[in-house]
């Protein structure tokens, strides 16, 4: 698919900024692989926290990182957004987000690997 629109990018950032409008909870219909604390933040060398991973996403989008709009497999046909961002060392962080009616759902936050990226 194409890049996310300016309005989608703005909405992702707006919703990611508040604990009230962001989630990363697993469900069978919308599985997640959200493991920020297993990765090291490239700026401070410390593990990501459940909060600063969202700040990392917001900063990346605000600074012009590519945000690819994709068609999700679960649930089929829904629109999702993928970022592949440089992590610590050689690590690439794979992030997948989905905009729901009233929040952003974190679907993936883990080290990028070809085999696991599209599972969630």
PDB file of N, CA and C in Angstrom:
ATOM      1  N   UNK A   1       0.844  -1.189   0.000  1.00  0.00           N
ATOM      2  CA  UNK A   1       0.000   0.000   0.000  1.00  0.00           C
ATOM      3  C   UNK A   1       0.887   1.250   0.000  1.00  0.00           C
ATOM      4  N   UNK A   2       0.287   2.361   0.178  1.00  0.00           N
ATOM      5  CA  UNK A   2       0.974   3.653   0.091  1.00  0.00           C
ATOM      6  C   UNK A   2       1.385   4.162   1.474  1.00  0.00           C
ATOM      7  N   UNK A   3       2.016   5.321   1.457  1.00  0.00           N
ATOM      8  CA  UNK A   3       2.351   5.985   2.710  1.00  0.00           C
ATOM      9  C   UNK A   3       1.079   6.464   3.403  1.00  0.00           C
ATOM     10  N   UNK A   4       1.142   6.565   4.716  1.00  0.00           N
ATOM     11  CA  UNK A   4       0.026   7.111   5.479  1.00  0.00           C
ATOM     12  C   UNK A   4      -0.162   8.577   5.105  1.00  0.00           C
ATOM     13  N   UNK A   5      -1.394   9.021   5.125  1.00  0.00           N
ATOM     14  CA  UNK A   5      -1.694  10.417   4.820  1.00  0.00           C
ATOM     15  C   UNK A   5      -1.266  11.305   5.982  1.00  0.00           C
ATOM     16  N   UNK A   6      -1.201  12.596   5.718  1.00  0.00           N
ATOM     17  CA  UNK A   6      -0.846  13.563   6.767  1.00  0.00           C
ATOM     18  C   UNK A   6      -1.840  13.496   7.920  1.00  0.00           C
ATOM     19  N   UNK A   7      -3.113  13.326   7.620  1.00  0.00           N
ATOM     20  CA  UNK A   7      -4.117  13.272   8.687  1.00  0.00           C
ATOM     21  C   UNK A   7      -3.987  11.972   9.488  1.00  0.00           C
ATOM     22  N   UNK A   8      -3.644  10.857   8.833  1.00  0.00           N
ATOM     23  CA  UNK A   8      -3.438   9.602   9.557  1.00  0.00           C
ATOM     24  C   UNK A   8      -2.217   9.706  10.469  1.00  0.00           C
ATOM     25  N   UNK A   9      -1.142  10.299   9.957  1.00  0.00           N
ATOM     26  CA  UNK A   9       0.065  10.484  10.764  1.00  0.00           C
ATOM     27  C   UNK A   9      -0.253  11.339  11.990  1.00  0.00           C
ATOM     28  N   UNK A  10      -0.993  12.417  11.797  1.00  0.00           N
ATOM     29  CA  UNK A  10      -1.362  13.300  12.908  1.00  0.00           C
ATOM     30  C   UNK A  10      -2.223  12.559  13.925  1.00  0.00           C
ATOM     31  N   UNK A  11      -3.144  11.751  13.454  1.00  0.00           N
ATOM     32  CA  UNK A  11      -4.036  11.004  14.353  1.00  0.00           C
ATOM     33  C   UNK A  11      -3.258   9.936  15.124  1.00  0.00           C
ATOM     34  N   UNK A  12      -2.322   9.264  14.476  1.00  0.00           N
ATOM     35  CA  UNK A  12      -1.477   8.290  15.176  1.00  0.00           C
ATOM     36  C   UNK A  12      -0.718   8.972  16.311  1.00  0.00           C
ATOM     37  N   UNK A  13      -0.125  10.124  16.029  1.00  0.00           N
ATOM     38  CA  UNK A  13       0.627  10.845  17.053  1.00  0.00           C
ATOM     39  C   UNK A  13      -0.280  11.332  18.178  1.00  0.00           C
ATOM     40  N   UNK A  14      -1.424  11.880  17.829  1.00  0.00           N
ATOM     41  CA  UNK A  14      -2.343  12.414  18.837  1.00  0.00           C
ATOM     42  C   UNK A  14      -2.799  11.317  19.794  1.00  0.00           C
ATOM     43  N   UNK A  15      -3.204  10.194  19.232  1.00  0.00           N
ATOM     44  CA  UNK A  15      -3.701   9.107  20.080  1.00  0.00           C
ATOM     45  C   UNK A  15      -2.583   8.428  20.864  1.00  0.00           C
ATOM     46  N   UNK A  16      -1.396   8.332  20.292  1.00  0.00           N
ATOM     47  CA  UNK A  16      -0.270   7.695  20.983  1.00  0.00           C
ATOM     48  C   UNK A  16       0.206   8.521  22.175  1.00  0.00           C
ATOM     49  N   UNK A  17      -0.117   9.804  22.193  1.00  0.00           N
ATOM     50  CA  UNK A  17       0.360  10.707  23.245  1.00  0.00           C
ATOM     51  C   UNK A  17      -0.334  10.521  24.591  1.00  0.00           C
ATOM     52  N   UNK A  18      -1.475   9.862  24.620  1.00  0.00           N
ATOM     53  CA  UNK A  18      -2.235   9.749  25.867  1.00  0.00           C
ATOM     54  C   UNK A  18      -2.472   8.286  26.250  1.00  0.00           C
ATOM     55  N   UNK A  19      -2.298   7.990  27.515  1.00  0.00           N
ATOM     56  CA  UNK A  19      -2.599   6.639  28.003  1.00  0.00           C
ATOM     57  C   UNK A  19      -4.069   6.295  27.813  1.00  0.00           C
ATOM     58  N   UNK A  20      -4.920   7.296  27.716  1.00  0.00           N
ATOM     59  CA  UNK A  20      -6.352   7.062  27.530  1.00  0.00           C
ATOM     60  C   UNK A  20      -6.701   6.623  26.109  1.00  0.00           C
ATOM     61  N   UNK A  21      -5.830   6.949  25.148  1.00  0.00           N
ATOM     62  CA  UNK A  21      -6.166   6.661  23.753  1.00  0.00           C
ATOM     63  C   UNK A  21      -5.155   5.738  23.077  1.00  0.00           C
ATOM     64  N   UNK A  22      -4.359   5.043  23.868  1.00  0.00           N
ATOM     65  CA  UNK A  22      -3.416   4.064  23.307  1.00  0.00           C
ATOM     66  C   UNK A  22      -3.524   2.760  24.092  1.00  0.00           C
ATOM     67  N   UNK A  23      -3.397   1.657  23.381  1.00  0.00           N
ATOM     68  CA  UNK A  23      -3.449   0.331  23.994  1.00  0.00           C
ATOM     69  C   UNK A  23      -2.519  -0.600  23.237  1.00  0.00           C
ATOM     70  N   UNK A  24      -2.167  -1.695  23.879  1.00  0.00           N
ATOM     71  CA  UNK A  24      -1.387  -2.746  23.229  1.00  0.00           C
ATOM     72  C   UNK A  24      -1.807  -4.086  23.824  1.00  0.00           C
ATOM     73  N   UNK A  25      -3.096  -4.321  23.849  1.00  0.00           N
ATOM     74  CA  UNK A  25      -3.628  -5.537  24.454  1.00  0.00           C
ATOM     75  C   UNK A  25      -3.938  -6.584  23.393  1.00  0.00           C
ATOM     76  N   UNK A  26      -3.646  -7.822  23.719  1.00  0.00           N
ATOM     77  CA  UNK A  26      -3.852  -8.941  22.820  1.00  0.00           C
ATOM     78  C   UNK A  26      -5.318  -9.353  22.800  1.00  0.00           C
ATOM     79  N   UNK A  27      -5.790  -9.718  21.623  1.00  0.00           N
ATOM     80  CA  UNK A  27      -7.082 -10.397  21.482  1.00  0.00           C
ATOM     81  C   UNK A  27      -6.945 -11.339  20.284  1.00  0.00           C
ATOM     82  N   UNK A  28      -7.710 -12.404  20.237  1.00  0.00           N
ATOM     83  CA  UNK A  28      -7.612 -13.314  19.097  1.00  0.00           C
ATOM     84  C   UNK A  28      -7.915 -12.623  17.758  1.00  0.00           C
ATOM     85  N   UNK A  29      -8.818 -11.666  17.774  1.00  0.00           N
ATOM     86  CA  UNK A  29      -9.162 -10.952  16.536  1.00  0.00           C
ATOM     87  C   UNK A  29      -8.078  -9.966  16.131  1.00  0.00           C
ATOM     88  N   UNK A  30      -7.357  -9.454  17.108  1.00  0.00           N
ATOM     89  CA  UNK A  30      -6.293  -8.470  16.872  1.00  0.00           C
ATOM     90  C   UNK A  30      -5.072  -8.857  17.694  1.00  0.00           C
ATOM     91  N   UNK A  31      -4.357  -9.907  17.270  1.00  0.00           N
ATOM     92  CA  UNK A  31      -3.202 -10.357  18.040  1.00  0.00           C
ATOM     93  C   UNK A  31      -2.083  -9.321  18.049  1.00  0.00           C
ATOM     94  N   UNK A  32      -1.296  -9.352  19.107  1.00  0.00           N
ATOM     95  CA  UNK A  32      -0.196  -8.405  19.243  1.00  0.00           C
ATOM     96  C   UNK A  32       1.103  -9.135  19.558  1.00  0.00           C
ATOM     97  N   UNK A  33       2.182  -8.500  19.213  1.00  0.00           N
ATOM     98  CA  UNK A  33       3.520  -8.915  19.642  1.00  0.00           C
ATOM     99  C   UNK A  33       4.201  -7.625  20.092  1.00  0.00           C
ATOM    100  N   UNK A  34       3.811  -7.158  21.257  1.00  0.00           N
ATOM    101  CA  UNK A  34       4.225  -5.859  21.789  1.00  0.00           C
ATOM    102  C   UNK A  34       5.233  -6.098  22.910  1.00  0.00           C
ATOM    103  N   UNK A  35       6.520  -5.972  22.588  1.00  0.00           N
ATOM    104  CA  UNK A  35       7.578  -6.287  23.545  1.00  0.00           C
ATOM    105  C   UNK A  35       8.614  -5.168  23.634  1.00  0.00           C
ATOM    106  N   UNK A  36       8.201  -3.943  23.918  1.00  0.00           N
ATOM    107  CA  UNK A  36       9.179  -2.852  23.951  1.00  0.00           C
ATOM    108  C   UNK A  36      10.260  -3.037  25.007  1.00  0.00           C
ATOM    109  N   UNK A  37       9.931  -3.624  26.147  1.00  0.00           N
ATOM    110  CA  UNK A  37      10.912  -3.735  27.224  1.00  0.00           C
ATOM    111  C   UNK A  37      12.026  -4.742  26.912  1.00  0.00           C
ATOM    112  N   UNK A  38      11.877  -5.498  25.834  1.00  0.00           N
ATOM    113  CA  UNK A  38      12.934  -6.436  25.432  1.00  0.00           C
ATOM    114  C   UNK A  38      13.959  -5.776  24.512  1.00  0.00           C
ATOM    115  N   UNK A  39      13.723  -4.512  24.153  1.00  0.00           N
ATOM    116  CA  UNK A  39      14.620  -3.788  23.249  1.00  0.00           C
ATOM    117  C   UNK A  39      15.258  -2.603  23.960  1.00  0.00           C
ATOM    118  N   UNK A  40      16.430  -2.222  23.477  1.00  0.00           N
ATOM    119  CA  UNK A  40      17.170  -1.094  24.049  1.00  0.00           C
ATOM    120  C   UNK A  40      16.854   0.168  23.253  1.00  0.00           C
ATOM    121  N   UNK A  41      16.545   1.233  23.977  1.00  0.00           N
ATOM    122  CA  UNK A  41      16.279   2.530  23.337  1.00  0.00           C
ATOM    123  C   UNK A  41      17.592   3.043  22.747  1.00  0.00           C
ATOM    124  N   UNK A  42      17.594   3.429  21.477  1.00  0.00           N
ATOM    125  CA  UNK A  42      18.850   3.839  20.847  1.00  0.00           C
ATOM    126  C   UNK A  42      19.433   5.145  21.395  1.00  0.00           C
ATOM    127  N   UNK A  43      18.632   5.959  22.043  1.00  0.00           N
ATOM    128  CA  UNK A  43      19.126   7.240  22.532  1.00  0.00           C
ATOM    129  C   UNK A  43      19.805   7.163  23.891  1.00  0.00           C
ATOM    130  N   UNK A  44      19.327   6.288  24.782  1.00  0.00           N
ATOM    131  CA  UNK A  44      19.911   6.270  26.129  1.00  0.00           C
ATOM    132  C   UNK A  44      20.520   4.926  26.522  1.00  0.00           C
ATOM    133  N   UNK A  45      20.384   3.911  25.670  1.00  0.00           N
ATOM    134  CA  UNK A  45      20.979   2.615  25.957  1.00  0.00           C
ATOM    135  C   UNK A  45      20.268   1.807  27.023  1.00  0.00           C
ATOM    136  N   UNK A  46      19.134   2.305  27.490  1.00  0.00           N
ATOM    137  CA  UNK A  46      18.325   1.610  28.489  1.00  0.00           C
ATOM    138  C   UNK A  46      17.171   0.894  27.795  1.00  0.00           C
ATOM    139  N   UNK A  47      16.613  -0.145  28.430  1.00  0.00           N
ATOM    140  CA  UNK A  47      15.451  -0.801  27.822  1.00  0.00           C
ATOM    141  C   UNK A  47      14.292   0.190  27.665  1.00  0.00           C
ATOM    142  N   UNK A  48      13.525   0.001  26.606  1.00  0.00           N
ATOM    143  CA  UNK A  48      12.305   0.789  26.451  1.00  0.00           C
ATOM    144  C   UNK A  48      11.387   0.500  27.630  1.00  0.00           C
ATOM    145  N   UNK A  49      10.533   1.461  27.938  1.00  0.00           N
ATOM    146  CA  UNK A  49       9.491   1.272  28.938  1.00  0.00           C
ATOM    147  C   UNK A  49       8.153   1.240  28.210  1.00  0.00           C
ATOM    148  N   UNK A  50       7.102   0.910  28.945  1.00  0.00           N
ATOM    149  CA  UNK A  50       5.779   0.884  28.318  1.00  0.00           C
ATOM    150  C   UNK A  50       5.319   2.274  27.907  1.00  0.00           C
ATOM    151  N   UNK A  51       5.903   3.317  28.499  1.00  0.00           N
ATOM    152  CA  UNK A  51       5.545   4.681  28.104  1.00  0.00           C
ATOM    153  C   UNK A  51       6.479   5.255  27.043  1.00  0.00           C
ATOM    154  N   UNK A  52       7.801   5.109  27.226  1.00  0.00           N
ATOM    155  CA  UNK A  52       8.682   5.782  26.281  1.00  0.00           C
ATOM    156  C   UNK A  52       8.717   5.139  24.902  1.00  0.00           C
ATOM    157  N   UNK A  53       8.190   3.929  24.767  1.00  0.00           N
ATOM    158  CA  UNK A  53       8.081   3.370  23.425  1.00  0.00           C
ATOM    159  C   UNK A  53       7.086   4.190  22.597  1.00  0.00           C
ATOM    160  N   UNK A  54       6.042   4.694  23.253  1.00  0.00           N
ATOM    161  CA  UNK A  54       5.071   5.543  22.561  1.00  0.00           C
ATOM    162  C   UNK A  54       5.687   6.894  22.203  1.00  0.00           C
ATOM    163  N   UNK A  55       6.485   7.454  23.096  1.00  0.00           N
ATOM    164  CA  UNK A  55       7.183   8.713  22.799  1.00  0.00           C
ATOM    165  C   UNK A  55       8.139   8.531  21.625  1.00  0.00           C
ATOM    166  N   UNK A  56       8.790   7.393  21.562  1.00  0.00           N
ATOM    167  CA  UNK A  56       9.689   7.049  20.467  1.00  0.00           C
ATOM    168  C   UNK A  56       8.931   7.026  19.132  1.00  0.00           C
ATOM    169  N   UNK A  57       7.750   6.425  19.142  1.00  0.00           N
ATOM    170  CA  UNK A  57       6.908   6.366  17.938  1.00  0.00           C
ATOM    171  C   UNK A  57       6.484   7.769  17.519  1.00  0.00           C
ATOM    172  N   UNK A  58       6.014   8.557  18.465  1.00  0.00           N
ATOM    173  CA  UNK A  58       5.560   9.917  18.169  1.00  0.00           C
ATOM    174  C   UNK A  58       6.701  10.737  17.570  1.00  0.00           C
ATOM    175  N   UNK A  59       7.878  10.679  18.188  1.00  0.00           N
ATOM    176  CA  UNK A  59       9.028  11.448  17.701  1.00  0.00           C
ATOM    177  C   UNK A  59       9.413  11.014  16.290  1.00  0.00           C
ATOM    178  N   UNK A  60       9.384   9.721  16.036  1.00  0.00           N
ATOM    179  CA  UNK A  60       9.741   9.222  14.699  1.00  0.00           C
ATOM    180  C   UNK A  60       8.774   9.743  13.644  1.00  0.00           C
ATOM    181  N   UNK A  61       7.485   9.673  13.934  1.00  0.00           N
ATOM    182  CA  UNK A  61       6.488  10.171  12.971  1.00  0.00           C
ATOM    183  C   UNK A  61       6.645  11.672  12.779  1.00  0.00           C
ATOM    184  N   UNK A  62       6.811  12.402  13.879  1.00  0.00           N
ATOM    185  CA  UNK A  62       6.957  13.862  13.806  1.00  0.00           C
ATOM    186  C   UNK A  62       8.196  14.267  13.012  1.00  0.00           C
ATOM    187  N   UNK A  63       9.238  13.440  13.071  1.00  0.00           N
ATOM    188  CA  UNK A  63      10.481  13.736  12.367  1.00  0.00           C
ATOM    189  C   UNK A  63      10.508  13.184  10.943  1.00  0.00           C
ATOM    190  N   UNK A  64       9.366  12.714  10.459  1.00  0.00           N
ATOM    191  CA  UNK A  64       9.258  12.322   9.061  1.00  0.00           C
ATOM    192  C   UNK A  64       9.571  10.884   8.721  1.00  0.00           C
ATOM    193  N   UNK A  65       9.624   9.995   9.716  1.00  0.00           N
ATOM    194  CA  UNK A  65       9.868   8.582   9.424  1.00  0.00           C
ATOM    195  C   UNK A  65       8.788   8.048   8.484  1.00  0.00           C
ATOM    196  N   UNK A  66       9.164   7.108   7.653  1.00  0.00           N
ATOM    197  CA  UNK A  66       8.199   6.473   6.750  1.00  0.00           C
ATOM    198  C   UNK A  66       7.162   5.719   7.578  1.00  0.00           C
ATOM    199  N   UNK A  67       5.899   5.926   7.241  1.00  0.00           N
ATOM    200  CA  UNK A  67       4.788   5.210   7.858  1.00  0.00           C
ATOM    201  C   UNK A  67       4.020   4.574   6.706  1.00  0.00           C
ATOM    202  N   UNK A  68       4.176   3.273   6.564  1.00  0.00           N
ATOM    203  CA  UNK A  68       3.541   2.556   5.457  1.00  0.00           C
ATOM    204  C   UNK A  68       2.137   2.117   5.862  1.00  0.00           C
ATOM    205  N   UNK A  69       1.156   2.476   5.065  1.00  0.00           N
ATOM    206  CA  UNK A  69      -0.205   2.005   5.276  1.00  0.00           C
ATOM    207  C   UNK A  69      -0.320   0.625   4.644  1.00  0.00           C
ATOM    208  N   UNK A  70      -0.838  -0.335   5.402  1.00  0.00           N
ATOM    209  CA  UNK A  70      -0.950  -1.713   4.923  1.00  0.00           C
ATOM    210  C   UNK A  70      -2.359  -2.234   5.137  1.00  0.00           C
ATOM    211  N   UNK A  71      -2.674  -3.332   4.483  1.00  0.00           N
ATOM    212  CA  UNK A  71      -3.922  -4.044   4.737  1.00  0.00           C
ATOM    213  C   UNK A  71      -3.607  -5.150   5.733  1.00  0.00           C
ATOM    214  N   UNK A  72      -4.319  -5.140   6.839  1.00  0.00           N
ATOM    215  CA  UNK A  72      -4.082  -6.126   7.894  1.00  0.00           C
ATOM    216  C   UNK A  72      -4.626  -7.498   7.477  1.00  0.00           C
ATOM    217  N   UNK A  73      -3.986  -8.541   8.019  1.00  0.00           N
ATOM    218  CA  UNK A  73      -4.502  -9.899   7.812  1.00  0.00           C
ATOM    219  C   UNK A  73      -5.476 -10.281   8.916  1.00  0.00           C
ATOM    220  N   UNK A  74      -5.280  -9.730  10.121  1.00  0.00           N
ATOM    221  CA  UNK A  74      -6.191  -9.969  11.245  1.00  0.00           C
ATOM    222  C   UNK A  74      -6.483  -8.626  11.882  1.00  0.00           C
ATOM    223  N   UNK A  75      -7.673  -8.128  11.821  1.00  0.00           N
ATOM    224  CA  UNK A  75      -8.783  -8.633  11.024  1.00  0.00           C
ATOM    225  C   UNK A  75      -8.586  -8.310   9.543  1.00  0.00           C
ATOM    226  N   UNK A  76      -9.053  -9.196   8.704  1.00  0.00           N
ATOM    227  CA  UNK A  76      -8.836  -9.029   7.264  1.00  0.00           C
ATOM    228  C   UNK A  76      -9.407  -7.718   6.733  1.00  0.00           C
ATOM    229  N   UNK A  77      -8.615  -7.079   5.886  1.00  0.00           N
ATOM    230  CA  UNK A  77      -9.071  -5.880   5.194  1.00  0.00           C
ATOM    231  C   UNK A  77      -8.951  -4.586   5.972  1.00  0.00           C
ATOM    232  N   UNK A  78      -8.655  -4.640   7.262  1.00  0.00           N
ATOM    233  CA  UNK A  78      -8.513  -3.403   8.042  1.00  0.00           C
ATOM    234  C   UNK A  78      -7.173  -2.753   7.722  1.00  0.00           C
ATOM    235  N   UNK A  79      -7.111  -1.455   7.926  1.00  0.00           N
ATOM    236  CA  UNK A  79      -5.922  -0.677   7.602  1.00  0.00           C
ATOM    237  C   UNK A  79      -5.000  -0.599   8.816  1.00  0.00           C
ATOM    238  N   UNK A  80      -3.725  -0.834   8.590  1.00  0.00           N
ATOM    239  CA  UNK A  80      -2.725  -0.725   9.638  1.00  0.00           C
ATOM    240  C   UNK A  80      -1.582   0.148   9.156  1.00  0.00           C
ATOM    241  N   UNK A  81      -0.628   0.409  10.046  1.00  0.00           N
ATOM    242  CA  UNK A  81       0.485   1.296   9.738  1.00  0.00           C
ATOM    243  C   UNK A  81       1.772   0.689  10.278  1.00  0.00           C
ATOM    244  N   UNK A  82       2.788   0.618   9.436  1.00  0.00           N
ATOM    245  CA  UNK A  82       4.051  -0.008   9.801  1.00  0.00           C
ATOM    246  C   UNK A  82       5.181   1.015   9.754  1.00  0.00           C
ATOM    247  N   UNK A  83       6.000   0.979  10.794  1.00  0.00           N
ATOM    248  CA  UNK A  83       7.239   1.753  10.851  1.00  0.00           C
ATOM    249  C   UNK A  83       8.371   0.769  11.080  1.00  0.00           C
ATOM    250  N   UNK A  84       9.474   0.975  10.429  1.00  0.00           N
ATOM    251  CA  UNK A  84      10.688   0.205  10.669  1.00  0.00           C
ATOM    252  C   UNK A  84      11.763   1.221  11.022  1.00  0.00           C
ATOM    253  N   UNK A  85      12.107   1.248  12.304  1.00  0.00           N
ATOM    254  CA  UNK A  85      12.971   2.302  12.830  1.00  0.00           C
ATOM    255  C   UNK A  85      14.292   1.746  13.331  1.00  0.00           C
ATOM    256  N   UNK A  86      15.361   2.525  13.192  1.00  0.00           N
ATOM    257  CA  UNK A  86      16.645   2.075  13.716  1.00  0.00           C
ATOM    258  C   UNK A  86      16.612   2.012  15.236  1.00  0.00           C
ATOM    259  N   UNK A  87      17.069   0.882  15.756  1.00  0.00           N
ATOM    260  CA  UNK A  87      17.183   0.708  17.193  1.00  0.00           C
ATOM    261  C   UNK A  87      18.644   0.823  17.593  1.00  0.00           C
ATOM    262  N   UNK A  88      18.976   0.250  18.720  1.00  0.00           N
ATOM    263  CA  UNK A  88      20.362   0.256  19.194  1.00  0.00           C
ATOM    264  C   UNK A  88      21.199  -0.701  18.342  1.00  0.00           C
ATOM    265  N   UNK A  89      22.417  -0.300  18.045  1.00  0.00           N
ATOM    266  CA  UNK A  89      23.301  -1.145  17.244  1.00  0.00           C
ATOM    267  C   UNK A  89      22.739  -1.373  15.851  1.00  0.00           C
ATOM    268  N   UNK A  90      22.687  -2.622  15.453  1.00  0.00           N
ATOM    269  CA  UNK A  90      22.189  -3.001  14.125  1.00  0.00           C
ATOM    270  C   UNK A  90      20.694  -3.316  14.124  1.00  0.00           C
ATOM    271  N   UNK A  91      20.049  -3.193  15.263  1.00  0.00           N
ATOM    272  CA  UNK A  91      18.650  -3.579  15.401  1.00  0.00           C
ATOM    273  C   UNK A  91      17.729  -2.652  14.606  1.00  0.00           C
ATOM    274  N   UNK A  92      16.772  -3.255  13.928  1.00  0.00           N
ATOM    275  CA  UNK A  92      15.668  -2.521  13.312  1.00  0.00           C
ATOM    276  C   UNK A  92      14.425  -2.872  14.115  1.00  0.00           C
ATOM    277  N   UNK A  93      13.701  -1.858  14.549  1.00  0.00           N
ATOM    278  CA  UNK A  93      12.491  -2.073  15.342  1.00  0.00           C
ATOM    279  C   UNK A  93      11.287  -2.043  14.411  1.00  0.00           C
ATOM    280  N   UNK A  94      10.520  -3.133  14.451  1.00  0.00           N
ATOM    281  CA  UNK A  94       9.306  -3.257  13.650  1.00  0.00           C
ATOM    282  C   UNK A  94       8.125  -2.841  14.514  1.00  0.00           C
ATOM    283  N   UNK A  95       7.380  -1.855  14.037  1.00  0.00           N
ATOM    284  CA  UNK A  95       6.224  -1.329  14.774  1.00  0.00           C
ATOM    285  C   UNK A  95       5.017  -1.366  13.856  1.00  0.00           C
ATOM    286  N   UNK A  96       3.931  -1.931  14.361  1.00  0.00           N
ATOM    287  CA  UNK A  96       2.674  -1.929  13.610  1.00  0.00           C
ATOM    288  C   UNK A  96       1.596  -1.345  14.515  1.00  0.00           C
ATOM    289  N   UNK A  97       0.826  -0.420  13.964  1.00  0.00           N
ATOM    290  CA  UNK A  97      -0.241   0.260  14.692  1.00  0.00           C
ATOM    291  C   UNK A  97      -1.544   0.136  13.921  1.00  0.00           C
ATOM    292  N   UNK A  98      -2.639   0.205  14.638  1.00  0.00           N
ATOM    293  CA  UNK A  98      -3.963   0.199  14.007  1.00  0.00           C
ATOM    294  C   UNK A  98      -4.815   1.272  14.666  1.00  0.00           C
ATOM    295  N   UNK A  99      -5.429   2.099  13.861  1.00  0.00           N
ATOM    296  CA  UNK A  99      -6.357   3.100  14.383  1.00  0.00           C
ATOM    297  C   UNK A  99      -7.730   2.462  14.535  1.00  0.00           C
ATOM    298  N   UNK A 100      -8.243   2.475  15.754  1.00  0.00           N
ATOM    299  CA  UNK A 100      -9.595   2.006  16.020  1.00  0.00           C
ATOM    300  C   UNK A 100     -10.488   3.233  16.168  1.00  0.00           C
ATOM    301  N   UNK A 101     -11.737   3.030  16.496  1.00  0.00           N
ATOM    302  CA  UNK A 101     -12.688   4.141  16.553  1.00  0.00           C
ATOM    303  C   UNK A 101     -12.231   5.265  17.486  1.00  0.00           C
ATOM    304  N   UNK A 102     -11.668   4.904  18.636  1.00  0.00           N
ATOM    305  CA  UNK A 102     -11.341   5.931  19.626  1.00  0.00           C
ATOM    306  C   UNK A 102      -9.921   5.842  20.179  1.00  0.00           C
ATOM    307  N   UNK A 103      -9.081   4.985  19.607  1.00  0.00           N
ATOM    308  CA  UNK A 103      -7.720   4.843  20.127  1.00  0.00           C
ATOM    309  C   UNK A 103      -6.797   4.262  19.062  1.00  0.00           C
ATOM    310  N   UNK A 104      -5.514   4.242  19.398  1.00  0.00           N
ATOM    311  CA  UNK A 104      -4.531   3.566  18.552  1.00  0.00           C
ATOM    312  C   UNK A 104      -4.150   2.281  19.279  1.00  0.00           C
ATOM    313  N   UNK A 105      -4.109   1.205  18.541  1.00  0.00           N
ATOM    314  CA  UNK A 105      -3.746  -0.090  19.093  1.00  0.00           C
ATOM    315  C   UNK A 105      -2.348  -0.452  18.628  1.00  0.00           C
ATOM    316  N   UNK A 106      -1.464  -0.670  19.582  1.00  0.00           N
ATOM    317  CA  UNK A 106      -0.126  -1.140  19.257  1.00  0.00           C
ATOM    318  C   UNK A 106      -0.190  -2.627  18.976  1.00  0.00           C
ATOM    319  N   UNK A 107       0.105  -3.006  17.750  1.00  0.00           N
ATOM    320  CA  UNK A 107       0.021  -4.421  17.362  1.00  0.00           C
ATOM    321  C   UNK A 107       1.387  -5.106  17.393  1.00  0.00           C
ATOM    322  N   UNK A 108       2.447  -4.383  17.046  1.00  0.00           N
ATOM    323  CA  UNK A 108       3.796  -4.956  17.051  1.00  0.00           C
ATOM    324  C   UNK A 108       4.807  -3.921  17.514  1.00  0.00           C
ATOM    325  N   UNK A 109       5.727  -4.355  18.334  1.00  0.00           N
ATOM    326  CA  UNK A 109       6.897  -3.566  18.719  1.00  0.00           C
ATOM    327  C   UNK A 109       7.935  -4.593  19.113  1.00  0.00           C
ATOM    328  N   UNK A 110       8.801  -4.923  18.176  1.00  0.00           N
ATOM    329  CA  UNK A 110       9.807  -5.959  18.398  1.00  0.00           C
ATOM    330  C   UNK A 110      10.904  -5.813  17.365  1.00  0.00           C
ATOM    331  N   UNK A 111      11.966  -6.584  17.543  1.00  0.00           N
ATOM    332  CA  UNK A 111      13.046  -6.563  16.570  1.00  0.00           C
ATOM    333  C   UNK A 111      12.527  -7.105  15.246  1.00  0.00           C
ATOM    334  N   UNK A 112      12.873  -6.431  14.173  1.00  0.00           N
ATOM    335  CA  UNK A 112      12.405  -6.832  12.850  1.00  0.00           C
ATOM    336  C   UNK A 112      13.120  -8.100  12.399  1.00  0.00           C
ATOM    337  N   UNK A 113      12.314  -9.076  12.025  1.00  0.00           N
ATOM    338  CA  UNK A 113      12.805 -10.283  11.378  1.00  0.00           C
ATOM    339  C   UNK A 113      11.825 -10.614  10.272  1.00  0.00           C
ATOM    340  N   UNK A 114      12.309 -11.053   9.171  1.00  0.00           N
ATOM    341  CA  UNK A 114      11.437 -11.337   8.025  1.00  0.00           C
ATOM    342  C   UNK A 114      10.343 -12.312   8.375  1.00  0.00           C
ATOM    343  N   UNK A 115      10.649 -13.315   9.172  1.00  0.00           N
ATOM    344  CA  UNK A 115       9.658 -14.357   9.458  1.00  0.00           C
ATOM    345  C   UNK A 115       8.576 -13.921  10.420  1.00  0.00           C
ATOM    346  N   UNK A 116       8.854 -13.001  11.341  1.00  0.00           N
ATOM    347  CA  UNK A 116       7.856 -12.677  12.359  1.00  0.00           C
ATOM    348  C   UNK A 116       7.142 -11.352  12.149  1.00  0.00           C
ATOM    349  N   UNK A 117       7.628 -10.509  11.261  1.00  0.00           N
ATOM    350  CA  UNK A 117       7.060  -9.175  11.106  1.00  0.00           C
ATOM    351  C   UNK A 117       5.575  -9.191  10.796  1.00  0.00           C
ATOM    352  N   UNK A 118       5.140 -10.046   9.921  1.00  0.00           N
ATOM    353  CA  UNK A 118       3.761  -9.987   9.461  1.00  0.00           C
ATOM    354  C   UNK A 118       2.808 -10.865  10.244  1.00  0.00           C
ATOM    355  N   UNK A 119       3.291 -11.538  11.279  1.00  0.00           N
ATOM    356  CA  UNK A 119       2.417 -12.396  12.057  1.00  0.00           C
ATOM    357  C   UNK A 119       1.374 -11.606  12.832  1.00  0.00           C
ATOM    358  N   UNK A 120       1.692 -10.389  13.197  1.00  0.00           N
ATOM    359  CA  UNK A 120       0.803  -9.616  14.060  1.00  0.00           C
ATOM    360  C   UNK A 120       0.508  -8.307  13.422  1.00  0.00           C
TER     361      UNK A 120
END
